[in-house]
Amino acid sequence: MPEAIGPCLWFNNQAREAMDYYVEVFPNSRIISVENYPDEALNEHFSGMSGKVLNGRFTLNGIDFACLDGGPMFTFNEAISFVIRCADQDEIDHYWSKLSHVPESEQCGWCKDRFGISWQIIPSRMDQLLGRPEQIQTMMRQKKIVIAELENA
């Protein structure tokens, strides 16, 4: 049986910083391992990569991730995001305060962190809170989801 599927995050040169940050934001999280690039003299592809992360493995709230410092060729965009289903408004507020760093990217519970990764921070019962057109219209005006506003719409 194959192992579970998990994301791998490609950073320019912030993989270690990102791992350290995320394991502080999420409960039940830890860094599993970090392998750095070997000496630059061993291979031309390692030029400028000494000390950067070749392969990082970490767990965020029980979900395994991998990451690396691969350089600036690829960047994150909104085509991929991670969904955080929250039990209540306090949990939404916690994650929003830690992960939302690009105000112009905020919409309907979506935000972008300081590394450029997009997150959807939503109530675990979001489907129940969008049962009426008024609730959907209210959500469309929100940046961070406010459960009470959806309930009262």
Protein backbone atom coordinates (compact mmCIF):
# COMPACT_ATOMS: atom_id res chain seq x y z
CA MET A 1 0.00 0.00 0.00
CA PRO A 2 1.46 3.41 -0.95
CA GLU A 3 2.15 6.04 1.70
CA ALA A 4 -0.22 8.98 2.11
CA ILE A 5 0.00 11.87 -0.32
CA GLY A 6 1.47 15.05 1.16
CA PRO A 7 2.48 18.50 -0.03
CA CYS A 8 6.03 19.65 -0.75
CA LEU A 9 6.69 23.39 -0.51
CA TRP A 10 9.39 24.96 -2.68
CA PHE A 11 10.93 28.05 -1.10
CA ASN A 12 13.57 30.35 -2.51
CA ASN A 13 15.68 30.31 0.67
CA GLN A 14 13.22 30.37 3.59
CA ALA A 15 12.44 26.68 4.13
CA ARG A 16 13.96 26.45 7.62
CA GLU A 17 12.38 29.74 8.70
CA ALA A 18 8.98 28.58 7.39
CA MET A 19 9.19 25.22 9.16
CA ASP A 20 10.09 26.91 12.46
CA TYR A 21 7.24 29.39 12.04
CA TYR A 22 4.54 26.89 11.08
CA VAL A 23 5.29 24.45 13.90
CA GLU A 24 4.72 27.33 16.34
CA VAL A 25 1.42 28.33 14.71
CA PHE A 26 -0.17 24.86 14.59
CA PRO A 27 -0.73 22.48 17.52
CA ASN A 28 0.53 18.89 17.31
CA SER A 29 3.40 20.01 15.06
CA ARG A 30 7.11 19.30 14.86
CA ILE A 31 10.11 19.28 12.58
CA ILE A 32 10.97 15.69 11.69
CA SER A 33 14.24 16.16 9.83
CA VAL A 34 16.31 18.66 7.88
CA GLU A 35 19.01 17.76 5.35
CA ASN A 36 21.04 20.64 4.01
CA TYR A 37 22.67 20.87 0.60
CA PRO A 38 26.16 19.36 0.60
CA ASP A 39 29.35 21.26 -0.11
CA GLU A 40 29.14 23.36 -3.28
CA ALA A 41 32.40 21.84 -4.55
CA LEU A 42 30.69 18.45 -5.00
CA ASN A 43 28.35 19.44 -7.81
CA GLU A 44 27.78 22.49 -10.04
CA HIS A 45 24.03 22.36 -9.21
CA PHE A 46 24.86 23.10 -5.56
CA SER A 47 26.44 26.47 -6.37
CA GLY A 48 25.17 29.04 -3.88
CA MET A 49 23.08 26.47 -2.02
CA SER A 50 25.45 25.56 0.82
CA GLY A 51 23.61 25.59 4.13
CA LYS A 52 20.16 25.76 2.55
CA VAL A 53 17.50 23.07 2.95
CA LEU A 54 17.71 20.23 0.44
CA ASN A 55 14.95 18.23 2.13
CA GLY A 56 12.91 19.26 5.15
CA ARG A 57 10.21 17.12 6.69
CA PHE A 58 7.72 18.45 9.22
CA THR A 59 4.25 17.78 10.60
CA LEU A 60 1.54 20.41 11.02
CA ASN A 61 -1.34 19.31 13.22
CA GLY A 62 -0.74 15.70 12.22
CA ILE A 63 -0.28 16.34 8.46
CA ASP A 64 3.15 15.58 6.98
CA PHE A 65 4.82 18.16 4.76
CA ALA A 66 8.10 18.29 2.89
CA CYS A 67 9.97 21.41 1.81
CA LEU A 68 13.16 22.61 0.18
CA ASP A 69 15.09 25.69 -0.79
CA GLY A 70 15.05 25.44 -4.57
CA GLY A 71 15.70 29.01 -5.62
CA PRO A 72 13.46 31.69 -7.14
CA MET A 73 12.35 29.82 -10.29
CA PHE A 74 8.97 28.83 -8.85
CA THR A 75 6.75 30.82 -6.50
CA PHE A 76 3.52 30.19 -4.65
CA ASN A 77 0.21 31.42 -6.02
CA GLU A 78 -3.48 31.17 -5.20
CA ALA A 79 -4.02 28.14 -7.44
CA ILE A 80 -3.06 26.02 -4.43
CA SER A 81 -4.15 26.77 -0.86
CA PHE A 82 -4.44 24.96 2.44
CA VAL A 83 -7.80 24.80 4.21
CA ILE A 84 -7.96 25.17 7.98
CA ARG A 85 -11.36 24.11 9.32
CA CYS A 86 -11.89 25.83 12.65
CA ALA A 87 -14.20 24.84 15.50
CA ASP A 88 -15.14 28.40 16.49
CA GLN A 89 -14.44 32.11 16.05
CA ASP A 90 -11.55 32.07 18.53
CA GLU A 91 -9.76 29.49 16.41
CA ILE A 92 -10.44 31.48 13.22
CA ASP A 93 -9.09 34.62 14.91
CA HIS A 94 -5.96 32.78 16.10
CA TYR A 95 -5.01 31.45 12.67
CA TRP A 96 -5.96 34.70 10.92
CA SER A 97 -3.71 36.75 13.22
CA LYS A 98 -0.78 34.37 12.60
CA LEU A 99 -1.18 33.72 8.86
CA SER A 100 -2.69 36.82 7.22
CA HIS A 101 0.16 39.08 6.10
CA VAL A 102 -1.04 40.42 2.72
CA PRO A 103 -4.23 42.49 3.26
CA GLU A 104 -4.92 42.86 -0.48
CA SER A 105 -5.20 39.05 -0.72
CA GLU A 106 -7.90 38.74 1.96
CA GLN A 107 -11.32 37.65 0.73
CA CYS A 108 -14.02 35.25 1.95
CA GLY A 109 -11.75 33.58 4.49
CA TRP A 110 -8.71 33.44 2.18
CA CYS A 111 -5.43 34.99 3.22
CA LYS A 112 -1.77 34.84 2.30
CA ASP A 113 1.07 34.35 4.77
CA ARG A 114 4.47 36.03 4.86
CA PHE A 115 5.97 33.29 2.66
CA GLY A 116 3.31 33.70 -0.05
CA ILE A 117 1.28 30.57 0.78
CA SER A 118 -2.51 30.92 0.55
CA TRP A 119 -4.77 29.65 3.34
CA GLN A 120 -8.52 29.27 3.65
CA ILE A 121 -9.45 29.80 7.30
CA ILE A 122 -13.07 28.76 7.62
CA PRO A 123 -15.53 27.35 10.15
CA SER A 124 -15.78 23.57 10.11
CA ARG A 125 -19.54 24.01 9.55
CA MET A 126 -19.15 26.44 6.65
CA ASP A 127 -21.64 24.48 4.50
CA GLN A 128 -24.34 25.04 7.14
CA LEU A 129 -23.55 28.76 7.34
CA LEU A 130 -24.09 29.27 3.59
CA GLY A 131 -27.58 27.81 3.25
CA ARG A 132 -29.32 31.06 2.29
CA PRO A 133 -28.47 33.67 -0.39
CA GLU A 134 -28.16 36.35 2.33
CA GLN A 135 -25.47 34.32 4.04
CA ILE A 136 -23.53 33.91 0.80
CA GLN A 137 -23.77 37.66 0.13
CA THR A 138 -22.50 38.36 3.65
CA MET A 139 -19.57 35.99 3.20
CA MET A 140 -18.67 37.66 -0.12
CA ARG A 141 -18.23 40.97 1.75
CA GLN A 142 -16.05 39.47 4.47
CA LYS A 143 -12.31 39.23 4.55
CA LYS A 144 -11.88 37.13 7.69
CA ILE A 145 -14.94 34.94 8.26
CA VAL A 146 -17.08 36.17 11.17
CA ILE A 147 -19.42 33.37 12.17
CA ALA A 148 -21.93 35.60 13.99
CA GLU A 149 -22.43 37.74 10.88
CA LEU A 150 -23.21 34.63 8.80
CA GLU A 151 -25.58 33.28 11.46
CA ASN A 152 -27.44 36.61 11.63
CA ALA A 153 -27.65 37.20 7.86
